[in-house]
Structures are given as C-alpha cells and as structure tokens.
Amino acid sequence: MSVFGTVLAVTGHIGYHPSWDCETCGEPWPCPSFRAIPRDRLDGTALIPVMSCVLRRAIRDLRGRPEGPQPPEIVKRFLWFLPLNDEEARAIALRMR
C-alpha cells in the first residue's frame, strides 16, 4: 500500500468526486482532519503525484459551480502542503485543465 493509502486507512478521512467532501466529517476534502496529519507522517514527494492526479479531476468537478472555488483556490486546497503563492497556483491550474 502506498504512503498515501496508509495515511487514508489510518485517518478514515477521504473525499471522492464530484463533491470532494470528506466522507467522514463532511468538510471539503482534504478536510481539516486530513490536513492535521503530522508532517512527519506525510511524505510530500509521495503526495505530489497522488494529489496531482486527483487535482485534475477536482478542478473539472468544482470549477464553474455557483459560488464555488476557482481553479487556483482548488490547487491551493489540494496542495496545501506546498508553499504556493497565487501566481504559482494559477499557473498550475492552467496546466491541469
């Protein structure tokens, strides 16, 4: 099982498309409980490819919803563990469409 899968199994906090809400707590996923996992239990290099895969689908599912998040906001939400500024998030969002 991947590092990501292990963390999901331990926390039970996971979200799926099209709503991208946590099945356990109902918060937008990655939810506060998932993001609160100690950094030493998260491997950013393992999370980047996994979150990039789900990010593309999340942008497609969430953009354009009335009062929904814009693609750069979605990027920051799913890549919360990276120190991204607005320009970087916008550039990633454009590449992920």
PDB file of N, CA and C in Angstrom:
ATOM      1  N   MET A   1       0.849  -1.172   0.000  1.00  0.00           N
ATOM      2  CA  MET A   1       0.000   0.000   0.000  1.00  0.00           C
ATOM      3  C   MET A   1       0.900   1.242   0.000  1.00  0.00           C
ATOM      4  N   SER A   2       0.509   2.278  -0.713  1.00  0.00           N
ATOM      5  CA  SER A   2       1.303   3.494  -0.790  1.00  0.00           C
ATOM      6  C   SER A   2       1.268   4.255   0.531  1.00  0.00           C
ATOM      7  N   VAL A   3       2.175   5.212   0.668  1.00  0.00           N
ATOM      8  CA  VAL A   3       2.180   6.081   1.837  1.00  0.00           C
ATOM      9  C   VAL A   3       0.828   6.776   1.948  1.00  0.00           C
ATOM     10  N   PHE A   4       0.315   7.265   0.838  1.00  0.00           N
ATOM     11  CA  PHE A   4      -0.970   7.959   0.803  1.00  0.00           C
ATOM     12  C   PHE A   4      -2.079   7.022   1.259  1.00  0.00           C
ATOM     13  N   GLY A   5      -2.101   5.821   0.736  1.00  0.00           N
ATOM     14  CA  GLY A   5      -3.117   4.842   1.119  1.00  0.00           C
ATOM     15  C   GLY A   5      -3.049   4.497   2.598  1.00  0.00           C
ATOM     16  N   THR A   6      -1.849   4.409   3.138  1.00  0.00           N
ATOM     17  CA  THR A   6      -1.683   4.126   4.558  1.00  0.00           C
ATOM     18  C   THR A   6      -2.265   5.239   5.398  1.00  0.00           C
ATOM     19  N   VAL A   7      -1.967   6.483   5.019  1.00  0.00           N
ATOM     20  CA  VAL A   7      -2.489   7.622   5.763  1.00  0.00           C
ATOM     21  C   VAL A   7      -4.011   7.641   5.692  1.00  0.00           C
ATOM     22  N   LEU A   8      -4.582   7.371   4.516  1.00  0.00           N
ATOM     23  CA  LEU A   8      -6.032   7.344   4.376  1.00  0.00           C
ATOM     24  C   LEU A   8      -6.630   6.255   5.251  1.00  0.00           C
ATOM     25  N   ALA A   9      -6.004   5.083   5.257  1.00  0.00           N
ATOM     26  CA  ALA A   9      -6.521   3.976   6.054  1.00  0.00           C
ATOM     27  C   ALA A   9      -6.485   4.310   7.540  1.00  0.00           C
ATOM     28  N   VAL A  10      -5.460   5.011   7.970  1.00  0.00           N
ATOM     29  CA  VAL A  10      -5.322   5.368   9.380  1.00  0.00           C
ATOM     30  C   VAL A  10      -6.332   6.441   9.770  1.00  0.00           C
ATOM     31  N   THR A  11      -6.532   7.437   8.921  1.00  0.00           N
ATOM     32  CA  THR A  11      -7.395   8.556   9.284  1.00  0.00           C
ATOM     33  C   THR A  11      -8.865   8.299   8.992  1.00  0.00           C
ATOM     34  N   GLY A  12      -9.157   7.550   7.943  1.00  0.00           N
ATOM     35  CA  GLY A  12     -10.541   7.349   7.531  1.00  0.00           C
ATOM     36  C   GLY A  12     -11.137   8.556   6.845  1.00  0.00           C
ATOM     37  N   HIS A  13     -10.365   9.614   6.647  1.00  0.00           N
ATOM     38  CA  HIS A  13     -10.845  10.842   6.019  1.00  0.00           C
ATOM     39  C   HIS A  13     -10.452  10.843   4.548  1.00  0.00           C
ATOM     40  N   ILE A  14     -11.460  10.663   3.696  1.00  0.00           N
ATOM     41  CA  ILE A  14     -11.215  10.626   2.260  1.00  0.00           C
ATOM     42  C   ILE A  14     -12.396  11.260   1.543  1.00  0.00           C
ATOM     43  N   GLY A  15     -12.108  11.881   0.419  1.00  0.00           N
ATOM     44  CA  GLY A  15     -13.151  12.508  -0.382  1.00  0.00           C
ATOM     45  C   GLY A  15     -13.126  11.975  -1.799  1.00  0.00           C
ATOM     46  N   TYR A  16     -14.268  11.975  -2.433  1.00  0.00           N
ATOM     47  CA  TYR A  16     -14.396  11.493  -3.802  1.00  0.00           C
ATOM     48  C   TYR A  16     -15.144  12.513  -4.644  1.00  0.00           C
ATOM     49  N   HIS A  17     -14.961  12.379  -5.946  1.00  0.00           N
ATOM     50  CA  HIS A  17     -15.675  13.261  -6.856  1.00  0.00           C
ATOM     51  C   HIS A  17     -17.130  12.847  -6.921  1.00  0.00           C
ATOM     52  N   PRO A  18     -18.059  13.660  -7.278  1.00  0.00           N
ATOM     53  CA  PRO A  18     -17.860  15.026  -7.770  1.00  0.00           C
ATOM     54  C   PRO A  18     -17.895  16.092  -6.681  1.00  0.00           C
ATOM     55  N   SER A  19     -18.293  15.752  -5.453  1.00  0.00           N
ATOM     56  CA  SER A  19     -18.438  16.798  -4.426  1.00  0.00           C
ATOM     57  C   SER A  19     -17.120  17.156  -3.749  1.00  0.00           C
ATOM     58  N   TRP A  20     -16.204  16.205  -3.637  1.00  0.00           N
ATOM     59  CA  TRP A  20     -14.930  16.383  -2.960  1.00  0.00           C
ATOM     60  C   TRP A  20     -15.116  16.815  -1.508  1.00  0.00           C
ATOM     61  N   ASP A  21     -16.119  16.220  -0.873  1.00  0.00           N
ATOM     62  CA  ASP A  21     -16.321  16.398   0.561  1.00  0.00           C
ATOM     63  C   ASP A  21     -15.863  15.127   1.254  1.00  0.00           C
ATOM     64  N   CYS A  22     -15.367  15.277   2.476  1.00  0.00           N
ATOM     65  CA  CYS A  22     -14.892  14.136   3.253  1.00  0.00           C
ATOM     66  C   CYS A  22     -16.073  13.246   3.631  1.00  0.00           C
ATOM     67  N   GLU A  23     -15.920  11.954   3.402  1.00  0.00           N
ATOM     68  CA  GLU A  23     -16.982  11.013   3.739  1.00  0.00           C
ATOM     69  C   GLU A  23     -17.165  10.849   5.247  1.00  0.00           C
ATOM     70  N   THR A  24     -16.151  11.189   6.027  1.00  0.00           N
ATOM     71  CA  THR A  24     -16.229  11.020   7.474  1.00  0.00           C
ATOM     72  C   THR A  24     -16.808  12.247   8.171  1.00  0.00           C
ATOM     73  N   CYS A  25     -16.295  13.437   7.837  1.00  0.00           N
ATOM     74  CA  CYS A  25     -16.713  14.640   8.560  1.00  0.00           C
ATOM     75  C   CYS A  25     -17.550  15.607   7.726  1.00  0.00           C
ATOM     76  N   GLY A  26     -17.631  15.389   6.416  1.00  0.00           N
ATOM     77  CA  GLY A  26     -18.445  16.240   5.561  1.00  0.00           C
ATOM     78  C   GLY A  26     -17.812  17.551   5.149  1.00  0.00           C
ATOM     79  N   GLU A  27     -16.607  17.812   5.600  1.00  0.00           N
ATOM     80  CA  GLU A  27     -15.887  19.041   5.245  1.00  0.00           C
ATOM     81  C   GLU A  27     -15.291  18.902   3.846  1.00  0.00           C
ATOM     82  N   PRO A  28     -15.009  20.032   3.180  1.00  0.00           N
ATOM     83  CA  PRO A  28     -14.320  19.950   1.883  1.00  0.00           C
ATOM     84  C   PRO A  28     -12.994  19.202   2.047  1.00  0.00           C
ATOM     85  N   TRP A  29     -12.794  18.218   1.170  1.00  0.00           N
ATOM     86  CA  TRP A  29     -11.584  17.395   1.246  1.00  0.00           C
ATOM     87  C   TRP A  29     -10.494  17.967   0.363  1.00  0.00           C
ATOM     88  N   PRO A  30      -9.236  17.912   0.783  1.00  0.00           N
ATOM     89  CA  PRO A  30      -8.716  17.355   2.015  1.00  0.00           C
ATOM     90  C   PRO A  30      -9.180  18.179   3.217  1.00  0.00           C
ATOM     91  N   CYS A  31      -9.872  17.502   4.110  1.00  0.00           N
ATOM     92  CA  CYS A  31     -10.520  18.137   5.250  1.00  0.00           C
ATOM     93  C   CYS A  31      -9.495  18.544   6.311  1.00  0.00           C
ATOM     94  N   PRO A  32      -9.926  19.366   7.269  1.00  0.00           N
ATOM     95  CA  PRO A  32      -9.009  19.773   8.335  1.00  0.00           C
ATOM     96  C   PRO A  32      -8.380  18.595   9.078  1.00  0.00           C
ATOM     97  N   SER A  33      -9.136  17.513   9.278  1.00  0.00           N
ATOM     98  CA  SER A  33      -8.572  16.343   9.974  1.00  0.00           C
ATOM     99  C   SER A  33      -7.457  15.700   9.156  1.00  0.00           C
ATOM    100  N   PHE A  34      -7.650  15.596   7.852  1.00  0.00           N
ATOM    101  CA  PHE A  34      -6.613  15.031   6.982  1.00  0.00           C
ATOM    102  C   PHE A  34      -5.396  15.950   6.949  1.00  0.00           C
ATOM    103  N   ARG A  35      -5.636  17.255   6.824  1.00  0.00           N
ATOM    104  CA  ARG A  35      -4.518  18.207   6.764  1.00  0.00           C
ATOM    105  C   ARG A  35      -3.788  18.321   8.095  1.00  0.00           C
ATOM    106  N   ALA A  36      -4.420  17.874   9.184  1.00  0.00           N
ATOM    107  CA  ALA A  36      -3.786  17.939  10.504  1.00  0.00           C
ATOM    108  C   ALA A  36      -2.836  16.774  10.765  1.00  0.00           C
ATOM    109  N   ILE A  37      -2.735  15.855   9.825  1.00  0.00           N
ATOM    110  CA  ILE A  37      -1.798  14.739   9.994  1.00  0.00           C
ATOM    111  C   ILE A  37      -0.400  15.320  10.141  1.00  0.00           C
ATOM    112  N   PRO A  38       0.335  14.912  11.160  1.00  0.00           N
ATOM    113  CA  PRO A  38       1.675  15.463  11.369  1.00  0.00           C
ATOM    114  C   PRO A  38       2.552  15.317  10.124  1.00  0.00           C
ATOM    115  N   ARG A  39       3.313  16.356   9.863  1.00  0.00           N
ATOM    116  CA  ARG A  39       4.187  16.379   8.678  1.00  0.00           C
ATOM    117  C   ARG A  39       5.118  15.175   8.611  1.00  0.00           C
ATOM    118  N   ASP A  40       5.548  14.670   9.759  1.00  0.00           N
ATOM    119  CA  ASP A  40       6.462  13.527   9.730  1.00  0.00           C
ATOM    120  C   ASP A  40       5.759  12.240   9.277  1.00  0.00           C
ATOM    121  N   ARG A  41       4.429  12.233   9.231  1.00  0.00           N
ATOM    122  CA  ARG A  41       3.682  11.074   8.711  1.00  0.00           C
ATOM    123  C   ARG A  41       3.310  11.250   7.251  1.00  0.00           C
ATOM    124  N   LEU A  42       3.564  12.438   6.701  1.00  0.00           N
ATOM    125  CA  LEU A  42       3.266  12.711   5.292  1.00  0.00           C
ATOM    126  C   LEU A  42       4.564  12.828   4.516  1.00  0.00           C
ATOM    127  N   ASP A  43       4.618  12.212   3.395  1.00  0.00           N
ATOM    128  CA  ASP A  43       5.766  12.315   2.510  1.00  0.00           C
ATOM    129  C   ASP A  43       5.337  13.165   1.319  1.00  0.00           C
ATOM    130  N   GLY A  44       5.762  14.430   1.312  1.00  0.00           N
ATOM    131  CA  GLY A  44       5.369  15.347   0.247  1.00  0.00           C
ATOM    132  C   GLY A  44       5.713  14.834  -1.131  1.00  0.00           C
ATOM    133  N   THR A  45       6.837  14.156  -1.262  1.00  0.00           N
ATOM    134  CA  THR A  45       7.211  13.644  -2.583  1.00  0.00           C
ATOM    135  C   THR A  45       6.272  12.521  -3.024  1.00  0.00           C
ATOM    136  N   ALA A  46       5.685  11.805  -2.089  1.00  0.00           N
ATOM    137  CA  ALA A  46       4.700  10.781  -2.437  1.00  0.00           C
ATOM    138  C   ALA A  46       3.327  11.400  -2.663  1.00  0.00           C
ATOM    139  N   LEU A  47       3.028  12.474  -1.939  1.00  0.00           N
ATOM    140  CA  LEU A  47       1.728  13.128  -2.076  1.00  0.00           C
ATOM    141  C   LEU A  47       1.587  13.912  -3.380  1.00  0.00           C
ATOM    142  N   ILE A  48       2.667  14.490  -3.866  1.00  0.00           N
ATOM    143  CA  ILE A  48       2.576  15.332  -5.061  1.00  0.00           C
ATOM    144  C   ILE A  48       1.959  14.576  -6.246  1.00  0.00           C
ATOM    145  N   PRO A  49       2.459  13.408  -6.637  1.00  0.00           N
ATOM    146  CA  PRO A  49       1.842  12.739  -7.787  1.00  0.00           C
ATOM    147  C   PRO A  49       0.400  12.295  -7.525  1.00  0.00           C
ATOM    148  N   VAL A  50       0.116  11.846  -6.318  1.00  0.00           N
ATOM    149  CA  VAL A  50      -1.239  11.397  -6.000  1.00  0.00           C
ATOM    150  C   VAL A  50      -2.198  12.575  -6.031  1.00  0.00           C
ATOM    151  N   MET A  51      -1.838  13.649  -5.352  1.00  0.00           N
ATOM    152  CA  MET A  51      -2.718  14.810  -5.309  1.00  0.00           C
ATOM    153  C   MET A  51      -2.832  15.456  -6.687  1.00  0.00           C
ATOM    154  N   SER A  52      -1.797  15.393  -7.492  1.00  0.00           N
ATOM    155  CA  SER A  52      -1.876  15.928  -8.854  1.00  0.00           C
ATOM    156  C   SER A  52      -2.903  15.169  -9.684  1.00  0.00           C
ATOM    157  N   CYS A  53      -2.973  13.867  -9.483  1.00  0.00           N
ATOM    158  CA  CYS A  53      -3.966  13.072 -10.212  1.00  0.00           C
ATOM    159  C   CYS A  53      -5.384  13.447  -9.809  1.00  0.00           C
ATOM    160  N   VAL A  54      -5.643  13.571  -8.529  1.00  0.00           N
ATOM    161  CA  VAL A  54      -6.993  13.921  -8.095  1.00  0.00           C
ATOM    162  C   VAL A  54      -7.296  15.389  -8.331  1.00  0.00           C
ATOM    163  N   LEU A  55      -6.264  16.225  -8.364  1.00  0.00           N
ATOM    164  CA  LEU A  55      -6.448  17.661  -8.581  1.00  0.00           C
ATOM    165  C   LEU A  55      -7.071  17.946  -9.940  1.00  0.00           C
ATOM    166  N   ARG A  56      -6.615  17.285 -10.965  1.00  0.00           N
ATOM    167  CA  ARG A  56      -7.159  17.493 -12.312  1.00  0.00           C
ATOM    168  C   ARG A  56      -8.671  17.227 -12.316  1.00  0.00           C
ATOM    169  N   ARG A  57      -9.065  16.129 -11.712  1.00  0.00           N
ATOM    170  CA  ARG A  57     -10.489  15.792 -11.665  1.00  0.00           C
ATOM    171  C   ARG A  57     -11.257  16.766 -10.771  1.00  0.00           C
ATOM    172  N   ALA A  58     -10.664  17.172  -9.667  1.00  0.00           N
ATOM    173  CA  ALA A  58     -11.325  18.117  -8.763  1.00  0.00           C
ATOM    174  C   ALA A  58     -11.570  19.454  -9.455  1.00  0.00           C
ATOM    175  N   ILE A  59     -10.604  19.926 -10.228  1.00  0.00           N
ATOM    176  CA  ILE A  59     -10.792  21.180 -10.958  1.00  0.00           C
ATOM    177  C   ILE A  59     -11.964  21.034 -11.916  1.00  0.00           C
ATOM    178  N   ARG A  60     -12.031  19.927 -12.631  1.00  0.00           N
ATOM    179  CA  ARG A  60     -13.143  19.705 -13.565  1.00  0.00           C
ATOM    180  C   ARG A  60     -14.480  19.641 -12.833  1.00  0.00           C
ATOM    181  N   ASP A  61     -14.505  18.993 -11.680  1.00  0.00           N
ATOM    182  CA  ASP A  61     -15.750  18.833 -10.927  1.00  0.00           C
ATOM    183  C   ASP A  61     -16.208  20.122 -10.240  1.00  0.00           C
ATOM    184  N   LEU A  62     -15.272  20.894  -9.711  1.00  0.00           N
ATOM    185  CA  LEU A  62     -15.628  22.021  -8.847  1.00  0.00           C
ATOM    186  C   LEU A  62     -15.694  23.376  -9.550  1.00  0.00           C
ATOM    187  N   ARG A  63     -14.935  23.564 -10.626  1.00  0.00           N
ATOM    188  CA  ARG A  63     -14.933  24.885 -11.260  1.00  0.00           C
ATOM    189  C   ARG A  63     -16.294  25.154 -11.908  1.00  0.00           C
ATOM    190  N   GLY A  64     -16.653  26.383 -11.908  1.00  0.00           N
ATOM    191  CA  GLY A  64     -17.890  26.778 -12.560  1.00  0.00           C
ATOM    192  C   GLY A  64     -19.149  26.553 -11.744  1.00  0.00           C
ATOM    193  N   ARG A  65     -19.043  25.982 -10.571  1.00  0.00           N
ATOM    194  CA  ARG A  65     -20.223  25.841  -9.716  1.00  0.00           C
ATOM    195  C   ARG A  65     -20.576  27.219  -9.164  1.00  0.00           C
ATOM    196  N   PRO A  66     -21.856  27.509  -9.044  1.00  0.00           N
ATOM    197  CA  PRO A  66     -22.236  28.796  -8.457  1.00  0.00           C
ATOM    198  C   PRO A  66     -21.587  28.977  -7.086  1.00  0.00           C
ATOM    199  N   GLU A  67     -20.892  30.075  -6.927  1.00  0.00           N
ATOM    200  CA  GLU A  67     -20.193  30.409  -5.689  1.00  0.00           C
ATOM    201  C   GLU A  67     -19.169  29.349  -5.284  1.00  0.00           C
ATOM    202  N   GLY A  68     -18.742  28.532  -6.234  1.00  0.00           N
ATOM    203  CA  GLY A  68     -17.742  27.504  -5.963  1.00  0.00           C
ATOM    204  C   GLY A  68     -16.340  28.069  -6.062  1.00  0.00           C
ATOM    205  N   PRO A  69     -15.356  27.276  -5.690  1.00  0.00           N
ATOM    206  CA  PRO A  69     -13.964  27.744  -5.735  1.00  0.00           C
ATOM    207  C   PRO A  69     -13.466  27.881  -7.171  1.00  0.00           C
ATOM    208  N   GLN A  70     -12.574  28.812  -7.364  1.00  0.00           N
ATOM    209  CA  GLN A  70     -11.911  28.993  -8.648  1.00  0.00           C
ATOM    210  C   GLN A  70     -10.736  28.009  -8.720  1.00  0.00           C
ATOM    211  N   PRO A  71     -10.287  27.662  -9.933  1.00  0.00           N
ATOM    212  CA  PRO A  71      -9.193  26.692 -10.056  1.00  0.00           C
ATOM    213  C   PRO A  71      -7.953  26.996  -9.195  1.00  0.00           C
ATOM    214  N   PRO A  72      -7.462  28.243  -9.107  1.00  0.00           N
ATOM    215  CA  PRO A  72      -6.302  28.457  -8.227  1.00  0.00           C
ATOM    216  C   PRO A  72      -6.597  28.135  -6.758  1.00  0.00           C
ATOM    217  N   GLU A  73      -7.819  28.377  -6.324  1.00  0.00           N
ATOM    218  CA  GLU A  73      -8.198  28.040  -4.949  1.00  0.00           C
ATOM    219  C   GLU A  73      -8.228  26.524  -4.759  1.00  0.00           C
ATOM    220  N   ILE A  74      -8.665  25.819  -5.778  1.00  0.00           N
ATOM    221  CA  ILE A  74      -8.704  24.352  -5.722  1.00  0.00           C
ATOM    222  C   ILE A  74      -7.276  23.810  -5.640  1.00  0.00           C
ATOM    223  N   VAL A  75      -6.374  24.408  -6.425  1.00  0.00           N
ATOM    224  CA  VAL A  75      -4.964  23.989  -6.378  1.00  0.00           C
ATOM    225  C   VAL A  75      -4.417  24.165  -4.966  1.00  0.00           C
ATOM    226  N   LYS A  76      -4.636  25.316  -4.362  1.00  0.00           N
ATOM    227  CA  LYS A  76      -4.126  25.549  -3.009  1.00  0.00           C
ATOM    228  C   LYS A  76      -4.759  24.594  -2.001  1.00  0.00           C
ATOM    229  N   ARG A  77      -6.013  24.262  -2.199  1.00  0.00           N
ATOM    230  CA  ARG A  77      -6.711  23.339  -1.301  1.00  0.00           C
ATOM    231  C   ARG A  77      -6.097  21.941  -1.372  1.00  0.00           C
ATOM    232  N   PHE A  78      -5.843  21.444  -2.567  1.00  0.00           N
ATOM    233  CA  PHE A  78      -5.341  20.081  -2.717  1.00  0.00           C
ATOM    234  C   PHE A  78      -3.825  19.974  -2.534  1.00  0.00           C
ATOM    235  N   LEU A  79      -3.121  21.073  -2.691  1.00  0.00           N
ATOM    236  CA  LEU A  79      -1.663  21.072  -2.490  1.00  0.00           C
ATOM    237  C   LEU A  79      -1.303  21.932  -1.285  1.00  0.00           C
ATOM    238  N   TRP A  80      -2.122  21.833  -0.230  1.00  0.00           N
ATOM    239  CA  TRP A  80      -1.949  22.645   0.968  1.00  0.00           C
ATOM    240  C   TRP A  80      -0.567  22.500   1.585  1.00  0.00           C
ATOM    241  N   PHE A  81       0.091  21.408   1.360  1.00  0.00           N
ATOM    242  CA  PHE A  81       1.383  21.119   1.980  1.00  0.00           C
ATOM    243  C   PHE A  81       2.550  21.792   1.244  1.00  0.00           C
ATOM    244  N   LEU A  82       2.262  22.485   0.136  1.00  0.00           N
ATOM    245  CA  LEU A  82       3.279  23.227  -0.609  1.00  0.00           C
ATOM    246  C   LEU A  82       3.076  24.727  -0.410  1.00  0.00           C
ATOM    247  N   PRO A  83       4.153  25.473  -0.253  1.00  0.00           N
ATOM    248  CA  PRO A  83       4.015  26.924  -0.073  1.00  0.00           C
ATOM    249  C   PRO A  83       3.808  27.632  -1.421  1.00  0.00           C
ATOM    250  N   LEU A  84       2.574  27.624  -1.927  1.00  0.00           N
ATOM    251  CA  LEU A  84       2.272  28.206  -3.234  1.00  0.00           C
ATOM    252  C   LEU A  84       1.707  29.613  -3.086  1.00  0.00           C
ATOM    253  N   ASN A  85       2.207  30.535  -3.909  1.00  0.00           N
ATOM    254  CA  ASN A  85       1.581  31.848  -3.954  1.00  0.00           C
ATOM    255  C   ASN A  85       0.486  31.829  -5.008  1.00  0.00           C
ATOM    256  N   ASP A  86      -0.249  32.936  -5.138  1.00  0.00           N
ATOM    257  CA  ASP A  86      -1.386  32.984  -6.064  1.00  0.00           C
ATOM    258  C   ASP A  86      -0.966  32.747  -7.516  1.00  0.00           C
ATOM    259  N   GLU A  87       0.156  33.341  -7.924  1.00  0.00           N
ATOM    260  CA  GLU A  87       0.616  33.165  -9.311  1.00  0.00           C
ATOM    261  C   GLU A  87       0.979  31.708  -9.596  1.00  0.00           C
ATOM    262  N   GLU A  88       1.645  31.068  -8.667  1.00  0.00           N
ATOM    263  CA  GLU A  88       2.016  29.661  -8.856  1.00  0.00           C
ATOM    264  C   GLU A  88       0.767  28.775  -8.919  1.00  0.00           C
ATOM    265  N   ALA A  89      -0.197  29.045  -8.049  1.00  0.00           N
ATOM    266  CA  ALA A  89      -1.439  28.260  -8.058  1.00  0.00           C
ATOM    267  C   ALA A  89      -2.188  28.466  -9.370  1.00  0.00           C
ATOM    268  N   ARG A  90      -2.217  29.686  -9.872  1.00  0.00           N
ATOM    269  CA  ARG A  90      -2.872  29.978 -11.156  1.00  0.00           C
ATOM    270  C   ARG A  90      -2.192  29.235 -12.288  1.00  0.00           C
ATOM    271  N   ALA A  91      -0.860  29.232 -12.293  1.00  0.00           N
ATOM    272  CA  ALA A  91      -0.102  28.551 -13.356  1.00  0.00           C
ATOM    273  C   ALA A  91      -0.361  27.036 -13.322  1.00  0.00           C
ATOM    274  N   ILE A  92      -0.400  26.464 -12.139  1.00  0.00           N
ATOM    275  CA  ILE A  92      -0.672  25.029 -12.007  1.00  0.00           C
ATOM    276  C   ILE A  92      -2.080  24.736 -12.497  1.00  0.00           C
ATOM    277  N   ALA A  93      -3.036  25.574 -12.096  1.00  0.00           N
ATOM    278  CA  ALA A  93      -4.430  25.371 -12.504  1.00  0.00           C
ATOM    279  C   ALA A  93      -4.558  25.390 -14.020  1.00  0.00           C
ATOM    280  N   LEU A  94      -3.863  26.300 -14.678  1.00  0.00           N
ATOM    281  CA  LEU A  94      -3.921  26.374 -16.143  1.00  0.00           C
ATOM    282  C   LEU A  94      -3.367  25.117 -16.789  1.00  0.00           C
ATOM    283  N   ARG A  95      -2.341  24.545 -16.214  1.00  0.00           N
ATOM    284  CA  ARG A  95      -1.735  23.321 -16.749  1.00  0.00           C
ATOM    285  C   ARG A  95      -2.599  22.087 -16.493  1.00  0.00           C
ATOM    286  N   MET A  96      -3.401  22.134 -15.428  1.00  0.00           N
ATOM    287  CA  MET A  96      -4.193  20.977 -15.032  1.00  0.00           C
ATOM    288  C   MET A  96      -5.532  20.883 -15.748  1.00  0.00           C
ATOM    289  N   ARG A  97      -5.937  21.917 -16.443  1.00  0.00           N
ATOM    290  CA  ARG A  97      -7.250  21.907 -17.096  1.00  0.00           C
ATOM    291  C   ARG A  97      -7.307  20.918 -18.219  1.00  0.00           C
TER     292      ARG A  97
END
